[in-house]
Amino acid sequence: MRRQLIICLLLAGITLMVYWPLRNYGLVYYDDPSFLDNPEVISGFNWHSFLWAVSSVVIANWHPATNLSFVLDHQFFGTNPGVEHLVN
């Protein structure tokens, strides 16, 4: 049991160490503006943005988990691309 805990903590620490520099990165201009400049995302989490997240097609794809993730990220962290990269 103790060995498994040490291995889990070691793996979590290595993962955090590898991804920690992402907090300083900006937007990826491939598709981020299509999500982050969206009025439903900017408005934060509410009934309208929830319905948009689960029913809308963005960039020719229906992906409600991604849409909801962007809405919740904006609700909790505002417009901070570094934090959004860490969350994802």
PDB file of N, CA and C in Angstrom:
ATOM      1  N   MET A   1       0.837  -1.194   0.000  1.00  0.00           N
ATOM      2  CA  MET A   1       0.000   0.000   0.000  1.00  0.00           C
ATOM      3  C   MET A   1       0.872   1.244   0.000  1.00  0.00           C
ATOM      4  N   ARG A   2       1.885   1.271   0.842  1.00  0.00           N
ATOM      5  CA  ARG A   2       2.760   2.441   0.928  1.00  0.00           C
ATOM      6  C   ARG A   2       3.539   2.632  -0.371  1.00  0.00           C
ATOM      7  N   ARG A   3       3.959   1.517  -0.974  1.00  0.00           N
ATOM      8  CA  ARG A   3       4.700   1.590  -2.230  1.00  0.00           C
ATOM      9  C   ARG A   3       3.828   2.173  -3.342  1.00  0.00           C
ATOM     10  N   GLN A   4       2.568   1.760  -3.396  1.00  0.00           N
ATOM     11  CA  GLN A   4       1.643   2.275  -4.402  1.00  0.00           C
ATOM     12  C   GLN A   4       1.417   3.774  -4.221  1.00  0.00           C
ATOM     13  N   LEU A   5       1.313   4.221  -2.991  1.00  0.00           N
ATOM     14  CA  LEU A   5       1.133   5.639  -2.722  1.00  0.00           C
ATOM     15  C   LEU A   5       2.345   6.445  -3.192  1.00  0.00           C
ATOM     16  N   ILE A   6       3.528   5.936  -2.920  1.00  0.00           N
ATOM     17  CA  ILE A   6       4.751   6.625  -3.343  1.00  0.00           C
ATOM     18  C   ILE A   6       4.821   6.696  -4.869  1.00  0.00           C
ATOM     19  N   ILE A   7       4.474   5.607  -5.544  1.00  0.00           N
ATOM     20  CA  ILE A   7       4.481   5.593  -7.005  1.00  0.00           C
ATOM     21  C   ILE A   7       3.464   6.585  -7.555  1.00  0.00           C
ATOM     22  N   CYS A   8       2.273   6.635  -6.988  1.00  0.00           N
ATOM     23  CA  CYS A   8       1.242   7.576  -7.437  1.00  0.00           C
ATOM     24  C   CYS A   8       1.688   9.023  -7.240  1.00  0.00           C
ATOM     25  N   LEU A   9       2.255   9.319  -6.088  1.00  0.00           N
ATOM     26  CA  LEU A   9       2.730  10.676  -5.823  1.00  0.00           C
ATOM     27  C   LEU A   9       3.882  11.051  -6.748  1.00  0.00           C
ATOM     28  N   LEU A  10       4.756  10.105  -7.028  1.00  0.00           N
ATOM     29  CA  LEU A  10       5.865  10.353  -7.947  1.00  0.00           C
ATOM     30  C   LEU A  10       5.354  10.635  -9.357  1.00  0.00           C
ATOM     31  N   LEU A  11       4.416   9.854  -9.826  1.00  0.00           N
ATOM     32  CA  LEU A  11       3.836  10.077 -11.156  1.00  0.00           C
ATOM     33  C   LEU A  11       3.094  11.414 -11.226  1.00  0.00           C
ATOM     34  N   ALA A  12       2.352  11.749 -10.194  1.00  0.00           N
ATOM     35  CA  ALA A  12       1.645  13.030 -10.159  1.00  0.00           C
ATOM     36  C   ALA A  12       2.634  14.186 -10.161  1.00  0.00           C
ATOM     37  N   GLY A  13       3.724  14.064  -9.401  1.00  0.00           N
ATOM     38  CA  GLY A  13       4.744  15.113  -9.367  1.00  0.00           C
ATOM     39  C   GLY A  13       5.436  15.294 -10.699  1.00  0.00           C
ATOM     40  N   ILE A  14       5.760  14.202 -11.370  1.00  0.00           N
ATOM     41  CA  ILE A  14       6.402  14.284 -12.687  1.00  0.00           C
ATOM     42  C   ILE A  14       5.453  14.927 -13.694  1.00  0.00           C
ATOM     43  N   THR A  15       4.193  14.534 -13.666  1.00  0.00           N
ATOM     44  CA  THR A  15       3.208  15.111 -14.580  1.00  0.00           C
ATOM     45  C   THR A  15       3.062  16.608 -14.342  1.00  0.00           C
ATOM     46  N   LEU A  16       2.968  17.009 -13.091  1.00  0.00           N
ATOM     47  CA  LEU A  16       2.869  18.432 -12.769  1.00  0.00           C
ATOM     48  C   LEU A  16       4.115  19.189 -13.219  1.00  0.00           C
ATOM     49  N   MET A  17       5.278  18.602 -13.025  1.00  0.00           N
ATOM     50  CA  MET A  17       6.527  19.244 -13.427  1.00  0.00           C
ATOM     51  C   MET A  17       6.586  19.441 -14.949  1.00  0.00           C
ATOM     52  N   VAL A  18       6.116  18.463 -15.703  1.00  0.00           N
ATOM     53  CA  VAL A  18       6.153  18.554 -17.162  1.00  0.00           C
ATOM     54  C   VAL A  18       5.172  19.608 -17.672  1.00  0.00           C
ATOM     55  N   TYR A  19       3.971  19.668 -17.103  1.00  0.00           N
ATOM     56  CA  TYR A  19       2.934  20.561 -17.613  1.00  0.00           C
ATOM     57  C   TYR A  19       2.924  21.948 -16.969  1.00  0.00           C
ATOM     58  N   TRP A  20       3.657  22.163 -15.896  1.00  0.00           N
ATOM     59  CA  TRP A  20       3.631  23.444 -15.183  1.00  0.00           C
ATOM     60  C   TRP A  20       3.991  24.638 -16.068  1.00  0.00           C
ATOM     61  N   PRO A  21       4.945  24.550 -17.009  1.00  0.00           N
ATOM     62  CA  PRO A  21       5.254  25.704 -17.859  1.00  0.00           C
ATOM     63  C   PRO A  21       4.086  26.171 -18.727  1.00  0.00           C
ATOM     64  N   LEU A  22       3.065  25.352 -18.915  1.00  0.00           N
ATOM     65  CA  LEU A  22       1.918  25.755 -19.729  1.00  0.00           C
ATOM     66  C   LEU A  22       1.190  26.966 -19.161  1.00  0.00           C
ATOM     67  N   ARG A  23       1.335  27.221 -17.886  1.00  0.00           N
ATOM     68  CA  ARG A  23       0.611  28.343 -17.279  1.00  0.00           C
ATOM     69  C   ARG A  23       1.051  29.678 -17.855  1.00  0.00           C
ATOM     70  N   ASN A  24       2.213  29.727 -18.525  1.00  0.00           N
ATOM     71  CA  ASN A  24       2.721  30.967 -19.103  1.00  0.00           C
ATOM     72  C   ASN A  24       2.420  31.101 -20.591  1.00  0.00           C
ATOM     73  N   TYR A  25       1.771  30.111 -21.177  1.00  0.00           N
ATOM     74  CA  TYR A  25       1.514  30.131 -22.614  1.00  0.00           C
ATOM     75  C   TYR A  25       0.243  30.917 -22.917  1.00  0.00           C
ATOM     76  N   GLY A  26       0.182  31.442 -24.117  1.00  0.00           N
ATOM     77  CA  GLY A  26      -0.988  32.190 -24.566  1.00  0.00           C
ATOM     78  C   GLY A  26      -1.942  31.305 -25.342  1.00  0.00           C
ATOM     79  N   LEU A  27      -2.812  31.961 -26.080  1.00  0.00           N
ATOM     80  CA  LEU A  27      -3.796  31.245 -26.881  1.00  0.00           C
ATOM     81  C   LEU A  27      -3.128  30.543 -28.055  1.00  0.00           C
ATOM     82  N   VAL A  28      -3.735  29.470 -28.480  1.00  0.00           N
ATOM     83  CA  VAL A  28      -3.353  28.796 -29.711  1.00  0.00           C
ATOM     84  C   VAL A  28      -4.330  29.300 -30.753  1.00  0.00           C
ATOM     85  N   TYR A  29      -3.848  30.008 -31.740  1.00  0.00           N
ATOM     86  CA  TYR A  29      -4.748  30.676 -32.674  1.00  0.00           C
ATOM     87  C   TYR A  29      -5.280  29.765 -33.764  1.00  0.00           C
ATOM     88  N   TYR A  30      -5.148  28.468 -33.576  1.00  0.00           N
ATOM     89  CA  TYR A  30      -5.737  27.525 -34.521  1.00  0.00           C
ATOM     90  C   TYR A  30      -7.251  27.464 -34.326  1.00  0.00           C
ATOM     91  N   ASP A  31      -7.687  27.240 -33.089  1.00  0.00           N
ATOM     92  CA  ASP A  31      -9.126  27.160 -32.840  1.00  0.00           C
ATOM     93  C   ASP A  31      -9.580  27.842 -31.555  1.00  0.00           C
ATOM     94  N   ASP A  32      -8.671  28.267 -30.696  1.00  0.00           N
ATOM     95  CA  ASP A  32      -9.068  28.876 -29.419  1.00  0.00           C
ATOM     96  C   ASP A  32      -9.991  30.083 -29.579  1.00  0.00           C
ATOM     97  N   PRO A  33      -9.732  31.012 -30.517  1.00  0.00           N
ATOM     98  CA  PRO A  33     -10.646  32.156 -30.630  1.00  0.00           C
ATOM     99  C   PRO A  33     -12.085  31.759 -30.954  1.00  0.00           C
ATOM    100  N   SER A  34     -12.282  30.660 -31.663  1.00  0.00           N
ATOM    101  CA  SER A  34     -13.642  30.221 -31.980  1.00  0.00           C
ATOM    102  C   SER A  34     -14.415  29.851 -30.724  1.00  0.00           C
ATOM    103  N   PHE A  35     -13.697  29.389 -29.718  1.00  0.00           N
ATOM    104  CA  PHE A  35     -14.349  29.036 -28.457  1.00  0.00           C
ATOM    105  C   PHE A  35     -14.358  30.214 -27.483  1.00  0.00           C
ATOM    106  N   LEU A  36     -13.230  30.868 -27.327  1.00  0.00           N
ATOM    107  CA  LEU A  36     -13.074  31.850 -26.253  1.00  0.00           C
ATOM    108  C   LEU A  36     -13.686  33.208 -26.569  1.00  0.00           C
ATOM    109  N   ASP A  37     -13.867  33.537 -27.840  1.00  0.00           N
ATOM    110  CA  ASP A  37     -14.509  34.799 -28.199  1.00  0.00           C
ATOM    111  C   ASP A  37     -16.018  34.648 -28.351  1.00  0.00           C
ATOM    112  N   ASN A  38     -16.532  33.532 -27.946  1.00  0.00           N
ATOM    113  CA  ASN A  38     -17.944  33.227 -28.067  1.00  0.00           C
ATOM    114  C   ASN A  38     -18.713  33.890 -26.916  1.00  0.00           C
ATOM    115  N   PRO A  39     -19.803  34.592 -27.221  1.00  0.00           N
ATOM    116  CA  PRO A  39     -20.571  35.268 -26.155  1.00  0.00           C
ATOM    117  C   PRO A  39     -21.096  34.321 -25.071  1.00  0.00           C
ATOM    118  N   GLU A  40     -21.446  33.093 -25.453  1.00  0.00           N
ATOM    119  CA  GLU A  40     -21.942  32.141 -24.454  1.00  0.00           C
ATOM    120  C   GLU A  40     -20.839  31.747 -23.476  1.00  0.00           C
ATOM    121  N   VAL A  41     -19.614  31.612 -23.959  1.00  0.00           N
ATOM    122  CA  VAL A  41     -18.489  31.278 -23.087  1.00  0.00           C
ATOM    123  C   VAL A  41     -18.175  32.456 -22.181  1.00  0.00           C
ATOM    124  N   ILE A  42     -18.153  33.648 -22.751  1.00  0.00           N
ATOM    125  CA  ILE A  42     -17.812  34.857 -21.994  1.00  0.00           C
ATOM    126  C   ILE A  42     -18.838  35.132 -20.893  1.00  0.00           C
ATOM    127  N   SER A  43     -20.095  34.769 -21.122  1.00  0.00           N
ATOM    128  CA  SER A  43     -21.141  35.052 -20.126  1.00  0.00           C
ATOM    129  C   SER A  43     -21.011  34.194 -18.876  1.00  0.00           C
ATOM    130  N   GLY A  44     -20.175  33.144 -18.920  1.00  0.00           N
ATOM    131  CA  GLY A  44     -20.023  32.278 -17.763  1.00  0.00           C
ATOM    132  C   GLY A  44     -21.105  31.214 -17.728  1.00  0.00           C
ATOM    133  N   PHE A  45     -21.139  30.473 -16.638  1.00  0.00           N
ATOM    134  CA  PHE A  45     -22.074  29.358 -16.542  1.00  0.00           C
ATOM    135  C   PHE A  45     -23.446  29.849 -16.111  1.00  0.00           C
ATOM    136  N   ASN A  46     -24.402  29.659 -16.977  1.00  0.00           N
ATOM    137  CA  ASN A  46     -25.802  29.951 -16.692  1.00  0.00           C
ATOM    138  C   ASN A  46     -26.649  28.998 -17.542  1.00  0.00           C
ATOM    139  N   TRP A  47     -27.958  29.107 -17.424  1.00  0.00           N
ATOM    140  CA  TRP A  47     -28.837  28.186 -18.140  1.00  0.00           C
ATOM    141  C   TRP A  47     -28.653  28.302 -19.646  1.00  0.00           C
ATOM    142  N   HIS A  48     -28.536  29.518 -20.160  1.00  0.00           N
ATOM    143  CA  HIS A  48     -28.371  29.731 -21.606  1.00  0.00           C
ATOM    144  C   HIS A  48     -27.048  29.137 -22.096  1.00  0.00           C
ATOM    145  N   SER A  49     -25.962  29.370 -21.371  1.00  0.00           N
ATOM    146  CA  SER A  49     -24.666  28.836 -21.808  1.00  0.00           C
ATOM    147  C   SER A  49     -24.633  27.309 -21.693  1.00  0.00           C
ATOM    148  N   PHE A  50     -25.328  26.745 -20.711  1.00  0.00           N
ATOM    149  CA  PHE A  50     -25.411  25.293 -20.604  1.00  0.00           C
ATOM    150  C   PHE A  50     -26.135  24.699 -21.805  1.00  0.00           C
ATOM    151  N   LEU A  51     -27.283  25.290 -22.164  1.00  0.00           N
ATOM    152  CA  LEU A  51     -28.020  24.804 -23.335  1.00  0.00           C
ATOM    153  C   LEU A  51     -27.191  24.947 -24.603  1.00  0.00           C
ATOM    154  N   TRP A  52     -26.459  26.065 -24.721  1.00  0.00           N
ATOM    155  CA  TRP A  52     -25.575  26.246 -25.875  1.00  0.00           C
ATOM    156  C   TRP A  52     -24.500  25.156 -25.899  1.00  0.00           C
ATOM    157  N   ALA A  53     -23.910  24.869 -24.748  1.00  0.00           N
ATOM    158  CA  ALA A  53     -22.807  23.902 -24.680  1.00  0.00           C
ATOM    159  C   ALA A  53     -23.244  22.507 -25.106  1.00  0.00           C
ATOM    160  N   VAL A  54     -24.445  22.103 -24.744  1.00  0.00           N
ATOM    161  CA  VAL A  54     -24.878  20.741 -25.050  1.00  0.00           C
ATOM    162  C   VAL A  54     -25.596  20.611 -26.384  1.00  0.00           C
ATOM    163  N   SER A  55     -25.880  21.728 -27.049  1.00  0.00           N
ATOM    164  CA  SER A  55     -26.654  21.627 -28.291  1.00  0.00           C
ATOM    165  C   SER A  55     -25.998  22.266 -29.509  1.00  0.00           C
ATOM    166  N   SER A  56     -24.950  23.035 -29.347  1.00  0.00           N
ATOM    167  CA  SER A  56     -24.387  23.780 -30.473  1.00  0.00           C
ATOM    168  C   SER A  56     -23.263  23.040 -31.173  1.00  0.00           C
ATOM    169  N   VAL A  57     -23.109  23.395 -32.437  1.00  0.00           N
ATOM    170  CA  VAL A  57     -22.013  22.890 -33.247  1.00  0.00           C
ATOM    171  C   VAL A  57     -21.002  24.022 -33.392  1.00  0.00           C
ATOM    172  N   VAL A  58     -19.751  23.759 -33.033  1.00  0.00           N
ATOM    173  CA  VAL A  58     -18.687  24.752 -33.135  1.00  0.00           C
ATOM    174  C   VAL A  58     -17.594  24.155 -34.020  1.00  0.00           C
ATOM    175  N   ILE A  59     -17.159  24.912 -35.002  1.00  0.00           N
ATOM    176  CA  ILE A  59     -16.138  24.480 -35.956  1.00  0.00           C
ATOM    177  C   ILE A  59     -16.532  23.134 -36.573  1.00  0.00           C
ATOM    178  N   ALA A  60     -17.768  23.031 -36.991  1.00  0.00           N
ATOM    179  CA  ALA A  60     -18.309  21.855 -37.682  1.00  0.00           C
ATOM    180  C   ALA A  60     -18.290  20.586 -36.829  1.00  0.00           C
ATOM    181  N   ASN A  61     -18.236  20.720 -35.512  1.00  0.00           N
ATOM    182  CA  ASN A  61     -18.241  19.552 -34.629  1.00  0.00           C
ATOM    183  C   ASN A  61     -19.191  19.792 -33.462  1.00  0.00           C
ATOM    184  N   TRP A  62     -19.855  18.727 -33.049  1.00  0.00           N
ATOM    185  CA  TRP A  62     -20.671  18.782 -31.840  1.00  0.00           C
ATOM    186  C   TRP A  62     -19.878  18.096 -30.744  1.00  0.00           C
ATOM    187  N   HIS A  63     -19.414  18.883 -29.786  1.00  0.00           N
ATOM    188  CA  HIS A  63     -18.643  18.337 -28.670  1.00  0.00           C
ATOM    189  C   HIS A  63     -19.058  19.058 -27.394  1.00  0.00           C
ATOM    190  N   PRO A  64     -20.135  18.578 -26.775  1.00  0.00           N
ATOM    191  CA  PRO A  64     -20.676  19.263 -25.606  1.00  0.00           C
ATOM    192  C   PRO A  64     -19.709  19.295 -24.416  1.00  0.00           C
ATOM    193  N   ALA A  65     -18.903  18.270 -24.216  1.00  0.00           N
ATOM    194  CA  ALA A  65     -17.969  18.277 -23.076  1.00  0.00           C
ATOM    195  C   ALA A  65     -16.923  19.373 -23.252  1.00  0.00           C
ATOM    196  N   THR A  66     -16.441  19.560 -24.473  1.00  0.00           N
ATOM    197  CA  THR A  66     -15.463  20.621 -24.736  1.00  0.00           C
ATOM    198  C   THR A  66     -16.093  21.985 -24.528  1.00  0.00           C
ATOM    199  N   ASN A  67     -17.290  22.190 -25.070  1.00  0.00           N
ATOM    200  CA  ASN A  67     -17.975  23.480 -24.903  1.00  0.00           C
ATOM    201  C   ASN A  67     -18.222  23.772 -23.427  1.00  0.00           C
ATOM    202  N   LEU A  68     -18.699  22.789 -22.702  1.00  0.00           N
ATOM    203  CA  LEU A  68     -18.971  22.982 -21.277  1.00  0.00           C
ATOM    204  C   LEU A  68     -17.683  23.248 -20.508  1.00  0.00           C
ATOM    205  N   SER A  69     -16.603  22.600 -20.900  1.00  0.00           N
ATOM    206  CA  SER A  69     -15.314  22.833 -20.260  1.00  0.00           C
ATOM    207  C   SER A  69     -14.867  24.278 -20.436  1.00  0.00           C
ATOM    208  N   PHE A  70     -15.005  24.820 -21.639  1.00  0.00           N
ATOM    209  CA  PHE A  70     -14.628  26.213 -21.864  1.00  0.00           C
ATOM    210  C   PHE A  70     -15.496  27.167 -21.050  1.00  0.00           C
ATOM    211  N   VAL A  71     -16.794  26.893 -20.971  1.00  0.00           N
ATOM    212  CA  VAL A  71     -17.700  27.745 -20.187  1.00  0.00           C
ATOM    213  C   VAL A  71     -17.302  27.723 -18.710  1.00  0.00           C
ATOM    214  N   LEU A  72     -17.062  26.543 -18.164  1.00  0.00           N
ATOM    215  CA  LEU A  72     -16.703  26.434 -16.747  1.00  0.00           C
ATOM    216  C   LEU A  72     -15.321  27.024 -16.462  1.00  0.00           C
ATOM    217  N   ASP A  73     -14.372  26.827 -17.379  1.00  0.00           N
ATOM    218  CA  ASP A  73     -13.053  27.443 -17.207  1.00  0.00           C
ATOM    219  C   ASP A  73     -13.177  28.959 -17.138  1.00  0.00           C
ATOM    220  N   HIS A  74     -13.990  29.521 -18.019  1.00  0.00           N
ATOM    221  CA  HIS A  74     -14.158  30.975 -18.021  1.00  0.00           C
ATOM    222  C   HIS A  74     -14.891  31.437 -16.766  1.00  0.00           C
ATOM    223  N   GLN A  75     -15.823  30.642 -16.293  1.00  0.00           N
ATOM    224  CA  GLN A  75     -16.549  30.991 -15.067  1.00  0.00           C
ATOM    225  C   GLN A  75     -15.609  31.065 -13.871  1.00  0.00           C
ATOM    226  N   PHE A  76     -14.716  30.087 -13.739  1.00  0.00           N
ATOM    227  CA  PHE A  76     -13.846  30.019 -12.568  1.00  0.00           C
ATOM    228  C   PHE A  76     -12.567  30.830 -12.695  1.00  0.00           C
ATOM    229  N   PHE A  77     -11.998  30.935 -13.907  1.00  0.00           N
ATOM    230  CA  PHE A  77     -10.681  31.542 -14.061  1.00  0.00           C
ATOM    231  C   PHE A  77     -10.653  32.772 -14.948  1.00  0.00           C
ATOM    232  N   GLY A  78     -11.772  33.150 -15.546  1.00  0.00           N
ATOM    233  CA  GLY A  78     -11.795  34.302 -16.434  1.00  0.00           C
ATOM    234  C   GLY A  78     -11.031  34.019 -17.717  1.00  0.00           C
ATOM    235  N   THR A  79     -10.575  35.085 -18.340  1.00  0.00           N
ATOM    236  CA  THR A  79      -9.828  34.940 -19.587  1.00  0.00           C
ATOM    237  C   THR A  79      -8.355  34.784 -19.250  1.00  0.00           C
ATOM    238  N   ASN A  80      -7.955  33.578 -18.961  1.00  0.00           N
ATOM    239  CA  ASN A  80      -6.575  33.277 -18.618  1.00  0.00           C
ATOM    240  C   ASN A  80      -6.171  32.006 -19.364  1.00  0.00           C
ATOM    241  N   PRO A  81      -5.559  32.143 -20.542  1.00  0.00           N
ATOM    242  CA  PRO A  81      -5.260  30.955 -21.340  1.00  0.00           C
ATOM    243  C   PRO A  81      -4.307  29.989 -20.656  1.00  0.00           C
ATOM    244  N   GLY A  82      -3.401  30.483 -19.827  1.00  0.00           N
ATOM    245  CA  GLY A  82      -2.471  29.592 -19.132  1.00  0.00           C
ATOM    246  C   GLY A  82      -3.184  28.616 -18.216  1.00  0.00           C
ATOM    247  N   VAL A  83      -4.147  29.117 -17.463  1.00  0.00           N
ATOM    248  CA  VAL A  83      -4.906  28.249 -16.563  1.00  0.00           C
ATOM    249  C   VAL A  83      -5.743  27.266 -17.374  1.00  0.00           C
ATOM    250  N   GLU A  84      -6.305  27.729 -18.484  1.00  0.00           N
ATOM    251  CA  GLU A  84      -7.102  26.823 -19.320  1.00  0.00           C
ATOM    252  C   GLU A  84      -6.250  25.695 -19.880  1.00  0.00           C
ATOM    253  N   HIS A  85      -5.006  25.991 -20.245  1.00  0.00           N
ATOM    254  CA  HIS A  85      -4.107  24.932 -20.716  1.00  0.00           C
ATOM    255  C   HIS A  85      -3.837  23.934 -19.593  1.00  0.00           C
ATOM    256  N   LEU A  86      -3.619  24.403 -18.385  1.00  0.00           N
ATOM    257  CA  LEU A  86      -3.373  23.492 -17.262  1.00  0.00           C
ATOM    258  C   LEU A  86      -4.588  22.627 -16.965  1.00  0.00           C
ATOM    259  N   VAL A  87      -5.767  23.220 -17.013  1.00  0.00           N
ATOM    260  CA  VAL A  87      -6.983  22.456 -16.737  1.00  0.00           C
ATOM    261  C   VAL A  87      -7.179  21.373 -17.792  1.00  0.00           C
ATOM    262  N   ASN A  88      -6.948  21.717 -19.037  1.00  0.00           N
ATOM    263  CA  ASN A  88      -7.141  20.731 -20.110  1.00  0.00           C
ATOM    264  C   ASN A  88      -6.054  19.690 -20.068  1.00  0.00           C
TER     265      ASN A  88
END
